[in-house]
Amino acid sequence: MWRELIGRLYGDAEFAAPASDGEIDEIERRLGQAVPDELRELLRQANGVRAEYGSGLVWSAQEIVRENTEFRRNGDLGGLYGSFDRLMFIGDNGGGDQFGYVQGPSGPHGGVYVWDHETDERKRVATSLEDYLRRRADADGDDWYK
């Protein structure tokens, strides 16, 4: 389902080979957060999707771990921004803003959120991963979520 949807929405989509359950489970182990079912299913079909001139529409399991770990451990960022511990970034716009899920006490809050790197604002921009992909595809420009 995901490959077909993304292929229709993004003519330049580039799909990586599917992720293994072990690679996806590594996200949970390393970040201490549940991977939302919709993201798990997408990663099982494609371990990362690039589109819109190579931007990270949805990162690979390895990129999710690496990027989130970097945000959480980077001391320079800690002095400028609020905590990233409840966020699970899954993609970016190529200009500094990140997209992802917000983790609540009982699991991920519904929808996809954006973190604005200039203001540290975190707001919901889509009700689901599918909604995020559709809204981003329908947008005219990188700041469709503002």
C-alpha atoms as a PDB file:
ATOM      1  CA  MET A   1       0.000   0.000   0.000  1.00  0.00           C
ATOM      2  CA  TRP A   2       2.682   2.541   0.999  1.00  0.00           C
ATOM      3  CA  ARG A   3       4.877   2.152  -2.079  1.00  0.00           C
ATOM      4  CA  GLU A   4       1.894   2.548  -4.388  1.00  0.00           C
ATOM      5  CA  LEU A   5       0.567   5.611  -2.542  1.00  0.00           C
ATOM      6  CA  ILE A   6       3.946   7.332  -2.398  1.00  0.00           C
ATOM      7  CA  GLY A   7       4.685   6.469  -6.020  1.00  0.00           C
ATOM      8  CA  ARG A   8       1.437   8.166  -7.074  1.00  0.00           C
ATOM      9  CA  LEU A   9       2.072  11.236  -4.913  1.00  0.00           C
ATOM     10  CA  TYR A  10       5.767  11.731  -5.686  1.00  0.00           C
ATOM     11  CA  GLY A  11       6.966  11.125  -9.218  1.00  0.00           C
ATOM     12  CA  ASP A  12      10.599  11.317  -8.088  1.00  0.00           C
ATOM     13  CA  ALA A  13      10.256   8.933  -5.104  1.00  0.00           C
ATOM     14  CA  GLU A  14      13.239   6.674  -4.465  1.00  0.00           C
ATOM     15  CA  PHE A  15      12.581   3.624  -2.291  1.00  0.00           C
ATOM     16  CA  ALA A  16      15.173   1.723  -0.287  1.00  0.00           C
ATOM     17  CA  ALA A  17      14.912  -2.045   0.166  1.00  0.00           C
ATOM     18  CA  PRO A  18      12.499  -3.135   2.931  1.00  0.00           C
ATOM     19  CA  ALA A  19      13.649  -2.995   6.554  1.00  0.00           C
ATOM     20  CA  SER A  20      13.703  -6.143   8.651  1.00  0.00           C
ATOM     21  CA  ASP A  21      11.676  -6.408  11.843  1.00  0.00           C
ATOM     22  CA  GLY A  22      15.006  -6.450  13.679  1.00  0.00           C
ATOM     23  CA  GLU A  23      16.006  -3.095  12.172  1.00  0.00           C
ATOM     24  CA  ILE A  24      12.653  -1.600  13.148  1.00  0.00           C
ATOM     25  CA  ASP A  25      12.842  -3.112  16.650  1.00  0.00           C
ATOM     26  CA  GLU A  26      16.256  -1.460  16.992  1.00  0.00           C
ATOM     27  CA  ILE A  27      14.518   1.941  16.767  1.00  0.00           C
ATOM     28  CA  GLU A  28      12.416   1.031  19.794  1.00  0.00           C
ATOM     29  CA  ARG A  29      15.361  -0.377  21.706  1.00  0.00           C
ATOM     30  CA  ARG A  30      17.697   2.560  21.043  1.00  0.00           C
ATOM     31  CA  LEU A  31      15.130   5.366  21.436  1.00  0.00           C
ATOM     32  CA  GLY A  32      12.969   3.771  24.133  1.00  0.00           C
ATOM     33  CA  GLN A  33       9.801   4.536  22.185  1.00  0.00           C
ATOM     34  CA  ALA A  34       7.240   2.465  20.337  1.00  0.00           C
ATOM     35  CA  VAL A  35       7.335   2.697  16.556  1.00  0.00           C
ATOM     36  CA  PRO A  36       3.820   3.599  15.405  1.00  0.00           C
ATOM     37  CA  ASP A  37       2.157   0.791  13.425  1.00  0.00           C
ATOM     38  CA  GLU A  38       1.805   2.932  10.290  1.00  0.00           C
ATOM     39  CA  LEU A  39       5.532   3.728  10.274  1.00  0.00           C
ATOM     40  CA  ARG A  40       6.420   0.093  10.974  1.00  0.00           C
ATOM     41  CA  GLU A  41       4.384  -0.989   7.934  1.00  0.00           C
ATOM     42  CA  LEU A  42       5.962   1.630   5.686  1.00  0.00           C
ATOM     43  CA  LEU A  43       9.483   0.623   6.773  1.00  0.00           C
ATOM     44  CA  ARG A  44       8.634  -3.016   6.065  1.00  0.00           C
ATOM     45  CA  GLN A  45       7.920  -1.976   2.479  1.00  0.00           C
ATOM     46  CA  ALA A  46      10.725   0.559   2.059  1.00  0.00           C
ATOM     47  CA  ASN A  47      13.495   1.324   4.533  1.00  0.00           C
ATOM     48  CA  GLY A  48      13.433   5.011   3.717  1.00  0.00           C
ATOM     49  CA  VAL A  49      11.982   7.167   0.953  1.00  0.00           C
ATOM     50  CA  ARG A  50      13.662  10.120  -0.721  1.00  0.00           C
ATOM     51  CA  ALA A  51      11.682  12.570  -2.835  1.00  0.00           C
ATOM     52  CA  GLU A  52      11.486  16.256  -3.651  1.00  0.00           C
ATOM     53  CA  TYR A  53      15.083  16.525  -4.888  1.00  0.00           C
ATOM     54  CA  GLY A  54      16.470  14.010  -2.401  1.00  0.00           C
ATOM     55  CA  SER A  55      14.927  15.273   0.828  1.00  0.00           C
ATOM     56  CA  GLY A  56      14.154  12.775   3.555  1.00  0.00           C
ATOM     57  CA  LEU A  57      10.453  12.189   3.092  1.00  0.00           C
ATOM     58  CA  VAL A  58      10.710   9.206   5.467  1.00  0.00           C
ATOM     59  CA  TRP A  59      14.090   8.188   6.827  1.00  0.00           C
ATOM     60  CA  SER A  60      15.432   4.660   7.041  1.00  0.00           C
ATOM     61  CA  ALA A  61      15.380   2.842  10.382  1.00  0.00           C
ATOM     62  CA  GLN A  62      19.093   3.562  10.741  1.00  0.00           C
ATOM     63  CA  GLU A  63      18.636   7.271   9.994  1.00  0.00           C
ATOM     64  CA  ILE A  64      15.782   7.484  12.512  1.00  0.00           C
ATOM     65  CA  VAL A  65      18.061   6.099  15.211  1.00  0.00           C
ATOM     66  CA  ARG A  66      21.077   8.193  14.194  1.00  0.00           C
ATOM     67  CA  GLU A  67      19.271  11.523  13.779  1.00  0.00           C
ATOM     68  CA  ASN A  68      17.189  11.218  16.947  1.00  0.00           C
ATOM     69  CA  THR A  69      20.218  10.143  18.967  1.00  0.00           C
ATOM     70  CA  GLU A  70      22.168  13.129  17.662  1.00  0.00           C
ATOM     71  CA  PHE A  71      19.380  15.562  18.561  1.00  0.00           C
ATOM     72  CA  ARG A  72      19.085  14.111  22.064  1.00  0.00           C
ATOM     73  CA  ARG A  73      22.806  14.041  22.824  1.00  0.00           C
ATOM     74  CA  ASN A  74      23.975  17.266  21.183  1.00  0.00           C
ATOM     75  CA  GLY A  75      24.839  19.636  24.040  1.00  0.00           C
ATOM     76  CA  ASP A  76      24.786  22.677  21.775  1.00  0.00           C
ATOM     77  CA  LEU A  77      21.160  22.011  20.858  1.00  0.00           C
ATOM     78  CA  GLY A  78      20.195  21.477  24.494  1.00  0.00           C
ATOM     79  CA  GLY A  79      21.055  25.078  25.296  1.00  0.00           C
ATOM     80  CA  LEU A  80      18.958  26.429  22.444  1.00  0.00           C
ATOM     81  CA  TYR A  81      15.893  24.179  22.361  1.00  0.00           C
ATOM     82  CA  GLY A  82      13.564  22.211  24.594  1.00  0.00           C
ATOM     83  CA  SER A  83      14.044  18.488  25.119  1.00  0.00           C
ATOM     84  CA  PHE A  84      13.826  16.152  22.133  1.00  0.00           C
ATOM     85  CA  ASP A  85      13.272  13.055  24.293  1.00  0.00           C
ATOM     86  CA  ARG A  86       9.539  12.777  23.541  1.00  0.00           C
ATOM     87  CA  LEU A  87       9.987  13.252  19.786  1.00  0.00           C
ATOM     88  CA  MET A  88      10.715  10.598  17.185  1.00  0.00           C
ATOM     89  CA  PHE A  89      11.795  12.381  14.031  1.00  0.00           C
ATOM     90  CA  ILE A  90      11.176  10.422  10.829  1.00  0.00           C
ATOM     91  CA  GLY A  91      11.975  12.916   8.068  1.00  0.00           C
ATOM     92  CA  ASP A  92      12.952  16.462   7.190  1.00  0.00           C
ATOM     93  CA  ASN A  93      12.277  19.202   4.681  1.00  0.00           C
ATOM     94  CA  GLY A  94      15.910  19.689   3.683  1.00  0.00           C
ATOM     95  CA  GLY A  95      15.990  23.123   5.340  1.00  0.00           C
ATOM     96  CA  GLY A  96      16.302  22.251   9.024  1.00  0.00           C
ATOM     97  CA  ASP A  97      12.731  21.488  10.067  1.00  0.00           C
ATOM     98  CA  GLN A  98      11.979  17.915  11.154  1.00  0.00           C
ATOM     99  CA  PHE A  99       8.829  15.787  11.031  1.00  0.00           C
ATOM    100  CA  GLY A 100       7.910  13.041  13.442  1.00  0.00           C
ATOM    101  CA  TYR A 101       5.795  11.675  16.224  1.00  0.00           C
ATOM    102  CA  VAL A 102       5.365  12.882  19.789  1.00  0.00           C
ATOM    103  CA  GLN A 103       5.514  10.200  22.468  1.00  0.00           C
ATOM    104  CA  GLY A 104       3.011  10.420  25.310  1.00  0.00           C
ATOM    105  CA  PRO A 105       2.779   8.356  28.503  1.00  0.00           C
ATOM    106  CA  SER A 106       0.753   5.620  26.796  1.00  0.00           C
ATOM    107  CA  GLY A 107       2.391   5.710  23.366  1.00  0.00           C
ATOM    108  CA  PRO A 108       2.632   8.025  20.364  1.00  0.00           C
ATOM    109  CA  HIS A 109       0.124  10.860  20.158  1.00  0.00           C
ATOM    110  CA  GLY A 110      -1.898  10.702  16.954  1.00  0.00           C
ATOM    111  CA  GLY A 111      -0.550  12.388  13.903  1.00  0.00           C
ATOM    112  CA  VAL A 112       2.683  13.763  12.560  1.00  0.00           C
ATOM    113  CA  TYR A 113       4.262  16.875  14.038  1.00  0.00           C
ATOM    114  CA  VAL A 114       6.761  19.398  12.761  1.00  0.00           C
ATOM    115  CA  TRP A 115       9.609  20.858  14.779  1.00  0.00           C
ATOM    116  CA  ASP A 116      10.550  24.312  13.518  1.00  0.00           C
ATOM    117  CA  HIS A 117      14.305  24.739  13.924  1.00  0.00           C
ATOM    118  CA  GLU A 118      14.050  28.533  14.045  1.00  0.00           C
ATOM    119  CA  THR A 119      11.384  28.872  16.740  1.00  0.00           C
ATOM    120  CA  ASP A 120      11.469  25.465  18.519  1.00  0.00           C
ATOM    121  CA  GLU A 121       7.725  25.285  17.868  1.00  0.00           C
ATOM    122  CA  ARG A 122       6.271  21.780  17.766  1.00  0.00           C
ATOM    123  CA  LYS A 123       2.844  21.432  16.226  1.00  0.00           C
ATOM    124  CA  ARG A 124       0.705  18.762  14.665  1.00  0.00           C
ATOM    125  CA  VAL A 125       0.544  19.117  10.891  1.00  0.00           C
ATOM    126  CA  ALA A 126      -1.162  15.867   9.880  1.00  0.00           C
ATOM    127  CA  THR A 127      -3.556  13.370  11.441  1.00  0.00           C
ATOM    128  CA  SER A 128      -1.589  10.332  10.246  1.00  0.00           C
ATOM    129  CA  LEU A 129       1.412   9.276   8.202  1.00  0.00           C
ATOM    130  CA  GLU A 130      -0.785   9.045   5.117  1.00  0.00           C
ATOM    131  CA  ASP A 131      -2.160  12.540   5.753  1.00  0.00           C
ATOM    132  CA  TYR A 132       1.421  13.849   6.140  1.00  0.00           C
ATOM    133  CA  LEU A 133       2.456  12.310   2.817  1.00  0.00           C
ATOM    134  CA  ARG A 134      -0.605  13.679   1.021  1.00  0.00           C
ATOM    135  CA  ARG A 135      -0.340  17.188   2.493  1.00  0.00           C
ATOM    136  CA  ARG A 136       3.337  17.404   1.719  1.00  0.00           C
ATOM    137  CA  ALA A 137       2.775  16.249  -1.870  1.00  0.00           C
ATOM    138  CA  ASP A 138      -0.058  18.740  -2.388  1.00  0.00           C
ATOM    139  CA  ALA A 139       1.980  21.653  -1.028  1.00  0.00           C
ATOM    140  CA  ASP A 140       3.647  24.340  -3.024  1.00  0.00           C
ATOM    141  CA  GLY A 141       6.984  24.826  -1.301  1.00  0.00           C
ATOM    142  CA  ASP A 142       8.930  23.575   1.686  1.00  0.00           C
ATOM    143  CA  ASP A 143       6.975  25.538   4.281  1.00  0.00           C
ATOM    144  CA  TRP A 144       3.530  23.994   3.632  1.00  0.00           C
ATOM    145  CA  TYR A 145       3.057  23.374   7.342  1.00  0.00           C
ATOM    146  CA  LYS A 146       3.433  26.985   8.515  1.00  0.00           C
END
